[in-house]
C-alpha atoms as a PDB file:
ATOM      1  CA  MET A   1     243.695-182.613  72.043  1.00  0.00           C
ATOM      2  CA  SER A   2     241.178-180.110  73.335  1.00  0.00           C
ATOM      3  CA  GLU A   3     239.105-180.668  76.460  1.00  0.00           C
ATOM      4  CA  GLU A   4     235.900-180.731  74.292  1.00  0.00           C
ATOM      5  CA  SER A   5     237.334-183.071  71.714  1.00  0.00           C
ATOM      6  CA  THR A   6     238.555-185.574  74.014  1.00  0.00           C
ATOM      7  CA  THR A   7     235.231-185.648  75.458  1.00  0.00           C
ATOM      8  CA  VAL A   8     233.663-186.365  72.165  1.00  0.00           C
ATOM      9  CA  VAL A   9     236.135-188.897  71.350  1.00  0.00           C
ATOM     10  CA  VAL A  10     235.498-190.666  74.662  1.00  0.00           C
ATOM     11  CA  GLN A  11     231.839-190.769  74.262  1.00  0.00           C
ATOM     12  CA  ARG A  12     232.378-192.124  70.614  1.00  0.00           C
ATOM     13  CA  TYR A  13     234.482-195.153  71.920  1.00  0.00           C
ATOM     14  CA  LEU A  14     232.086-195.695  74.859  1.00  0.00           C
ATOM     15  CA  ASP A  15     228.988-195.754  72.255  1.00  0.00           C
ATOM     16  CA  ALA A  16     231.207-198.484  70.355  1.00  0.00           C
ATOM     17  CA  LEU A  17     231.387-200.609  73.289  1.00  0.00           C
ATOM     18  CA  ALA A  18     227.571-200.935  73.440  1.00  0.00           C
ATOM     19  CA  GLY A  19     227.808-202.506  69.783  1.00  0.00           C
ATOM     20  CA  ASP A  20     228.727-206.049  68.682  1.00  0.00           C
ATOM     21  CA  ALA A  21     232.371-205.348  67.902  1.00  0.00           C
ATOM     22  CA  PRO A  22     235.047-207.158  70.061  1.00  0.00           C
ATOM     23  CA  ALA A  23     235.656-204.861  73.246  1.00  0.00           C
ATOM     24  CA  GLU A  24     239.216-205.301  73.729  1.00  0.00           C
ATOM     25  CA  PRO A  25     240.595-203.642  70.893  1.00  0.00           C
ATOM     26  CA  ILE A  26     238.082-200.535  71.584  1.00  0.00           C
ATOM     27  CA  ILE A  27     238.902-200.478  75.361  1.00  0.00           C
ATOM     28  CA  ARG A  28     242.814-200.177  74.308  1.00  0.00           C
ATOM     29  CA  GLU A  29     241.900-197.527  71.725  1.00  0.00           C
ATOM     30  CA  LEU A  30     239.673-195.442  74.027  1.00  0.00           C
ATOM     31  CA  LEU A  31     242.615-195.170  76.826  1.00  0.00           C
ATOM     32  CA  ALA A  32     245.355-194.632  74.420  1.00  0.00           C
ATOM     33  CA  ARG A  33     243.111-191.371  72.947  1.00  0.00           C
ATOM     34  CA  ALA A  34     242.143-190.322  76.461  1.00  0.00           C
ATOM     35  CA  VAL A  35     245.897-191.032  77.897  1.00  0.00           C
ATOM     36  CA  HIS A  36     247.065-187.212  77.838  1.00  0.00           C
ATOM     37  CA  ARG A  37     243.736-186.412  79.838  1.00  0.00           C
ATOM     38  CA  LEU A  38     244.213-189.022  82.128  1.00  0.00           C
ATOM     39  CA  GLU A  39     247.803-188.098  82.583  1.00  0.00           C
ATOM     40  CA  ARG A  40     246.934-184.619  83.575  1.00  0.00           C
ATOM     41  CA  LEU A  41     244.455-185.857  86.063  1.00  0.00           C
ATOM     42  CA  CYS A  42     246.849-188.095  87.696  1.00  0.00           C
ATOM     43  CA  ALA A  43     249.678-185.332  88.101  1.00  0.00           C
ATOM     44  CA  ARG A  44     246.930-182.824  89.612  1.00  0.00           C
ATOM     45  CA  MET A  45     245.928-185.445  92.148  1.00  0.00           C
ATOM     46  CA  LEU A  46     249.481-186.596  92.822  1.00  0.00           C
ATOM     47  CA  HIS A  47     251.030-183.273  93.397  1.00  0.00           C
ATOM     48  CA  ARG A  48     248.033-181.587  94.993  1.00  0.00           C
ATOM     49  CA  SER A  49     246.762-184.171  97.485  1.00  0.00           C
ATOM     50  CA  TYR A  50     249.495-186.789  97.719  1.00  0.00           C
ATOM     51  CA  PRO A  51     252.911-184.665  97.480  1.00  0.00           C
ATOM     52  CA  ARG A  52     254.927-186.587  99.884  1.00  0.00           C
ATOM     53  CA  LEU A  53     254.295-189.747  97.896  1.00  0.00           C
ATOM     54  CA  THR A  54     256.513-188.183  95.452  1.00  0.00           C
ATOM     55  CA  GLY A  55     259.533-187.953  97.574  1.00  0.00           C
ATOM     56  CA  PRO A  56     261.523-190.825  99.202  1.00  0.00           C
ATOM     57  CA  PRO A  57     260.860-193.749 100.068  1.00  0.00           C
ATOM     58  CA  THR A  58     257.915-194.078  97.631  1.00  0.00           C
ATOM     59  CA  ASN A  59     259.440-191.581  94.827  1.00  0.00           C
ATOM     60  CA  LEU A  60     256.109-191.873  92.708  1.00  0.00           C
ATOM     61  CA  GLU A  61     256.328-190.359  89.272  1.00  0.00           C
ATOM     62  CA  THR A  62     253.183-189.489  87.218  1.00  0.00           C
ATOM     63  CA  ALA A  63     254.011-191.735  84.601  1.00  0.00           C
ATOM     64  CA  GLU A  64     254.327-194.421  86.800  1.00  0.00           C
ATOM     65  CA  MET A  65     250.991-193.864  88.513  1.00  0.00           C
ATOM     66  CA  LEU A  66     249.115-193.268  84.920  1.00  0.00           C
ATOM     67  CA  GLY A  67     250.508-196.753  83.845  1.00  0.00           C
ATOM     68  CA  GLY A  68     248.830-198.347  86.911  1.00  0.00           C
ATOM     69  CA  VAL A  69     245.504-196.723  86.322  1.00  0.00           C
ATOM     70  CA  VAL A  70     245.553-197.443  82.737  1.00  0.00           C
ATOM     71  CA  GLU A  71     245.992-201.109  83.822  1.00  0.00           C
ATOM     72  CA  GLY A  72     243.559-200.740  86.355  1.00  0.00           C
ATOM     73  CA  LEU A  73     241.033-199.294  83.774  1.00  0.00           C
ATOM     74  CA  LEU A  74     241.884-201.916  81.189  1.00  0.00           C
ATOM     75  CA  LYS A  75     241.058-204.779  83.564  1.00  0.00           C
ATOM     76  CA  ALA A  76     237.926-202.819  84.906  1.00  0.00           C
ATOM     77  CA  MET A  77     236.476-202.231  81.562  1.00  0.00           C
ATOM     78  CA  ARG A  78     236.404-205.869  80.453  1.00  0.00           C
ATOM     79  CA  SER A  79     233.337-206.147  83.134  1.00  0.00           C
ATOM     80  CA  VAL A  80     232.114-202.859  83.852  1.00  0.00           C
ATOM     81  CA  ARG A  81     230.999-200.791  80.940  1.00  0.00           C
ATOM     82  CA  PRO A  82     230.676-197.058  81.337  1.00  0.00           C
ATOM     83  CA  GLN A  83     228.157-195.791  79.348  1.00  0.00           C
ATOM     84  CA  THR A  84     228.911-191.844  79.443  1.00  0.00           C
ATOM     85  CA  VAL A  85     232.169-189.783  79.869  1.00  0.00           C
ATOM     86  CA  ARG A  86     231.023-188.671  83.186  1.00  0.00           C
ATOM     87  CA  GLN A  87     230.955-192.341  84.189  1.00  0.00           C
ATOM     88  CA  PHE A  88     234.424-193.167  82.732  1.00  0.00           C
ATOM     89  CA  PHE A  89     235.993-190.326  84.287  1.00  0.00           C
ATOM     90  CA  ALA A  90     234.221-191.212  87.697  1.00  0.00           C
ATOM     91  CA  LEU A  91     235.748-194.833  87.191  1.00  0.00           C
ATOM     92  CA  ALA A  92     239.401-193.524  86.343  1.00  0.00           C
ATOM     93  CA  ASN A  93     239.071-191.152  89.359  1.00  0.00           C
ATOM     94  CA  GLN A  94     238.256-193.884  91.805  1.00  0.00           C
ATOM     95  CA  HIS A  95     241.029-196.054  90.321  1.00  0.00           C
ATOM     96  CA  MET A  96     243.686-193.070  91.010  1.00  0.00           C
ATOM     97  CA  LEU A  97     242.267-192.876  94.567  1.00  0.00           C
ATOM     98  CA  TRP A  98     242.756-196.504  95.221  1.00  0.00           C
ATOM     99  CA  GLN A  99     246.321-196.662  93.957  1.00  0.00           C
ATOM    100  CA  LEU A 100     247.340-193.413  96.040  1.00  0.00           C
ATOM    101  CA  ASN A 101     245.545-194.583  99.074  1.00  0.00           C
ATOM    102  CA  ASP A 102     247.266-198.262  98.501  1.00  0.00           C
ATOM    103  CA  LEU A 103     250.800-196.467  98.201  1.00  0.00           C
ATOM    104  CA  ALA A 104     250.084-194.233 101.211  1.00  0.00           C
ATOM    105  CA  ARG A 105     248.630-197.052 103.472  1.00  0.00           C
ATOM    106  CA  ARG A 106     251.857-199.267 102.503  1.00  0.00           C
ATOM    107  CA  SER A 107     254.314-196.470 103.153  1.00  0.00           C
ATOM    108  CA  ASP A 108     252.610-195.748 106.671  1.00  0.00           C
ATOM    109  CA  GLU A 109     253.196-199.755 107.408  1.00  0.00           C
ATOM    110  CA  ARG A 110     256.649-199.768 106.211  1.00  0.00           C
ATOM    111  CA  PRO A 111     259.287-199.867 109.242  1.00  0.00           C
ATOM    112  CA  ALA A 112     261.375-196.592 108.990  1.00  0.00           C
ATOM    113  CA  ALA A 113     265.046-197.305 107.846  1.00  0.00           C
ATOM    114  CA  VAL A 114     266.136-194.795 110.764  1.00  0.00           C
ATOM    115  CA  GLU A 115     264.987-197.588 113.454  1.00  0.00           C
ATOM    116  CA  LEU A 116     267.599-199.923 111.966  1.00  0.00           C
ATOM    117  CA  ARG A 117     270.562-197.516 112.948  1.00  0.00           C
ATOM    118  CA  GLU A 118     269.203-195.602 115.784  1.00  0.00           C
ATOM    119  CA  ALA A 119     267.231-198.081 117.768  1.00  0.00           C
ATOM    120  CA  LEU A 120     266.635-195.623 120.756  1.00  0.00           C
ATOM    121  CA  VAL A 121     264.647-193.168 118.609  1.00  0.00           C
ATOM    122  CA  PRO A 122     260.894-194.203 118.633  1.00  0.00           C
ATOM    123  CA  ALA A 123     259.318-194.676 115.315  1.00  0.00           C
ATOM    124  CA  PRO A 124     256.667-191.876 114.193  1.00  0.00           C
ATOM    125  CA  ALA A 125     253.075-192.704 114.818  1.00  0.00           C
ATOM    126  CA  SER A 126     252.520-192.061 110.602  1.00  0.00           C
ATOM    127  CA  SER A 127     255.314-192.283 108.051  1.00  0.00           C
ATOM    128  CA  GLU A 128     255.215-188.280 106.622  1.00  0.00           C
ATOM    129  CA  SER A 129     255.205-190.067 103.224  1.00  0.00           C
ATOM    130  CA  GLY A 130     251.554-191.409 103.953  1.00  0.00           C
ATOM    131  CA  ILE A 131     248.610-189.932 105.598  1.00  0.00           C
ATOM    132  CA  THR A 132     247.647-189.444 108.956  1.00  0.00           C
ATOM    133  CA  PRO A 133     244.729-190.932 110.796  1.00  0.00           C
ATOM    134  CA  ASN A 134     242.865-187.643 110.597  1.00  0.00           C
ATOM    135  CA  GLY A 135     243.944-187.745 106.693  1.00  0.00           C
ATOM    136  CA  ARG A 136     242.277-191.058 106.702  1.00  0.00           C
ATOM    137  CA  ARG A 137     239.215-189.763 108.235  1.00  0.00           C
ATOM    138  CA  MET A 138     238.811-186.913 105.442  1.00  0.00           C
ATOM    139  CA  LEU A 139     239.161-189.375 102.707  1.00  0.00           C
ATOM    140  CA  GLU A 140     236.215-191.647 104.590  1.00  0.00           C
ATOM    141  CA  ALA A 141     234.176-188.575 104.844  1.00  0.00           C
ATOM    142  CA  ILE A 142     234.800-187.840 101.123  1.00  0.00           C
ATOM    143  CA  ASP A 143     233.900-191.526  99.901  1.00  0.00           C
ATOM    144  CA  ASN A 144     230.752-191.065 102.123  1.00  0.00           C
ATOM    145  CA  LEU A 145     229.437-188.059 100.060  1.00  0.00           C
ATOM    146  CA  PRO A 146     226.557-188.690  97.917  1.00  0.00           C
ATOM    147  CA  THR A 147     227.465-189.498  94.488  1.00  0.00           C
ATOM    148  CA  ASP A 148     226.966-186.269  92.975  1.00  0.00           C
ATOM    149  CA  GLU A 149     228.670-184.329  95.403  1.00  0.00           C
ATOM    150  CA  ARG A 150     231.575-186.758  95.653  1.00  0.00           C
ATOM    151  CA  GLU A 151     232.069-186.697  92.190  1.00  0.00           C
ATOM    152  CA  VAL A 152     232.163-182.781  91.822  1.00  0.00           C
ATOM    153  CA  PHE A 153     234.397-182.671  95.088  1.00  0.00           C
ATOM    154  CA  GLY A 154     236.688-185.148  93.572  1.00  0.00           C
ATOM    155  CA  LEU A 155     237.119-183.448  90.329  1.00  0.00           C
ATOM    156  CA  VAL A 156     237.543-179.933  91.496  1.00  0.00           C
ATOM    157  CA  ARG A 157     239.302-180.445  94.842  1.00  0.00           C
ATOM    158  CA  LEU A 158     241.566-183.532  94.421  1.00  0.00           C
ATOM    159  CA  GLN A 159     242.189-183.311  90.586  1.00  0.00           C
ATOM    160  CA  GLY A 160     242.154-179.530  90.246  1.00  0.00           C
ATOM    161  CA  LEU A 161     239.959-179.283  87.432  1.00  0.00           C
ATOM    162  CA  THR A 162     238.145-175.878  87.082  1.00  0.00           C
ATOM    163  CA  GLN A 163     234.435-175.503  87.667  1.00  0.00           C
ATOM    164  CA  VAL A 164     233.923-175.249  83.807  1.00  0.00           C
ATOM    165  CA  GLU A 165     236.169-178.080  83.151  1.00  0.00           C
ATOM    166  CA  THR A 166     234.104-180.403  85.620  1.00  0.00           C
ATOM    167  CA  ALA A 167     230.827-179.202  84.208  1.00  0.00           C
ATOM    168  CA  GLN A 168     232.098-180.481  80.760  1.00  0.00           C
ATOM    169  CA  VAL A 169     233.082-183.590  81.923  1.00  0.00           C
ATOM    170  CA  LEU A 170     229.881-184.192  83.828  1.00  0.00           C
ATOM    171  CA  ASN A 171     227.711-182.731  81.182  1.00  0.00           C
ATOM    172  CA  VAL A 172     226.093-180.328  83.393  1.00  0.00           C
ATOM    173  CA  SER A 173     225.761-176.387  84.103  1.00  0.00           C
ATOM    174  CA  VAL A 174     228.746-174.637  85.925  1.00  0.00           C
ATOM    175  CA  LYS A 175     225.957-173.318  88.328  1.00  0.00           C
ATOM    176  CA  THR A 176     225.201-177.011  89.268  1.00  0.00           C
ATOM    177  CA  VAL A 177     228.977-177.661  89.751  1.00  0.00           C
ATOM    178  CA  HIS A 178     229.087-174.838  92.069  1.00  0.00           C
ATOM    179  CA  ARG A 179     226.014-176.104  94.086  1.00  0.00           C
ATOM    180  CA  ARG A 180     227.239-179.498  94.400  1.00  0.00           C
ATOM    181  CA  LEU A 181     230.810-178.098  95.544  1.00  0.00           C
ATOM    182  CA  ASN A 182     229.220-176.087  98.300  1.00  0.00           C
ATOM    183  CA  ARG A 183     227.011-178.765  99.468  1.00  0.00           C
ATOM    184  CA  ALA A 184     230.078-181.270  99.383  1.00  0.00           C
ATOM    185  CA  SER A 185     231.987-178.706 101.659  1.00  0.00           C
ATOM    186  CA  LEU A 186     229.104-178.335 103.920  1.00  0.00           C
ATOM    187  CA  LEU A 187     228.452-181.893 104.536  1.00  0.00           C
ATOM    188  CA  LEU A 188     232.442-182.417 104.924  1.00  0.00           C
ATOM    189  CA  ALA A 189     232.395-179.411 107.410  1.00  0.00           C
ATOM    190  CA  GLU A 190     229.619-181.208 109.717  1.00  0.00           C
ATOM    191  CA  GLU A 191     231.351-184.490 109.540  1.00  0.00           C
ATOM    192  CA  LEU A 192     234.643-183.243 110.174  1.00  0.00           C
ATOM    193  CA  ASP A 193     233.721-180.652 112.651  1.00  0.00           C
ATOM    194  CA  ASN A 194     235.809-181.884 115.592  1.00  0.00           C
ATOM    195  CA  LEU A 195     238.937-181.447 113.701  1.00  0.00           C
ATOM    196  CA  ARG A 196     238.627-177.744 113.806  1.00  0.00           C
ATOM    197  CA  PRO A 197     241.580-176.104 115.800  1.00  0.00           C
ATOM    198  CA  PRO A 198     240.072-174.515 119.026  1.00  0.00           C
ATOM    199  CA  PRO A 199     239.377-170.874 118.883  1.00  0.00           C
END
């Protein structure tokens, strides 16, 4: 299914949710029709932004992540009803981030297996399968971006969509996507300026 037809189909189901028909079958059908797009987004975010989670000890695979995201969306949409494709994929994006951040945090908190065999070796401050304190700061800074800038940054930089694809998802012009992405980058550069290496 093409990007354009996926967008059209998703919007059709979202419109149906606003009617009087039972919501559960519509939500399940919506997720079934959007699953290929969601799988691509999961794969991009996992392999671009959290590649260490694909190795031991987590060994996270795209299909496993997708299952968790779909399950989370199924539960969330019983009470949260996105009205547009933009809102639907923003909700999906949030569930992807929640899942990956939770796995990274738990991986950081898990005692390293090497400690049991080599008690004299100090444990690292942060597991390489998770995210560092600076990484957490970056994620917090992204979460604190204005809504429009955070959506664009998440779709382009975290999920790996092109600016054209992002414009289609958000129903805005490519120029608007470019402007929001630049603003997000400037805001993050200001917020995280002290992370720059010394000249």
